[in-house]
Amino acid sequence: MSEDKDELVKASTGTETALDVASFVGSAVPWIGGPVSNVLGGMSLGRKLGRVREVLESLSNDLKEFKSEASESYVKTEEFEDLLEQTLKRVGEERNEEKRHLYKAFLTDAIESPEPYDDQLCLLRTFEQISPDHIRVLKAFSQEPNPNPGMMGSPIQTLRERLPELDEQHIEEIVAQLNDMRVTNLGNLKVMMTGHGAADIRIDFFHQLLKLKEIVCYEVA
């Protein structure tokens, strides 16, 4: 699913309600069921409930085997409920599936590694600067390299192979934007190098987005 199709995620049943979603989450991961129920009970999602359900189901899968007393205490706080509400509102409005997945990853990280509310909210706001094409390019960087590349190559050649739906100029523009945001720090994409060097352009996708928080939230201009 992509933003181009502009489709709402369908509810699992025609009469599904927010409380049904909260009940599912509570049965899968009981210790986050209460906060989810509290937040969903106060939200008006209408046809956008399917998007929220999709993210909460994926979040439940992430946390099913996770155990932490600190996290279980954190999700009971008012700060977490506020953060969850802020995130789910964005999820409900977000048409792009990949960006909704990003919000899910944000919630997983927030629960597993609790940080002060202002820091988490700042990171959530920085995600609003990230476009679907930014996500596509960052994911292309994070892919495992081809084990049998040619003798020579360049980073832009690798990106073009991984992003056939984007033309070369647009890829260069997106990378330049990521450099300006200091999510990446890449030089000349057209420089020729060994095939293995050109194929191995890996960066950790979510780690790079966490770096954005350090820049936006903490750096003094």
Foldseek 3Di string as FASTA:
>chain_A
DFLVVLDAQADPDPPDAQLNLLVVLCVQPVLLSVLSCVLRVPDDQPSLVNQLSVLSVVLSVLCNPPDDPVLSVVSVDPLVSVLVNVLSVVSSVDRGPLLSNVSSVLNNCCSVPPDDSVLSVLLVVVSVVQDPVLLQQLVLLADDFDPDFDQKDFLLVSSCVSCVVDDSVVSVVSVVVCVVLPLDPDDDRGDMDGRVVNRNRRDDRVVSSSVSSCCRPPDDD
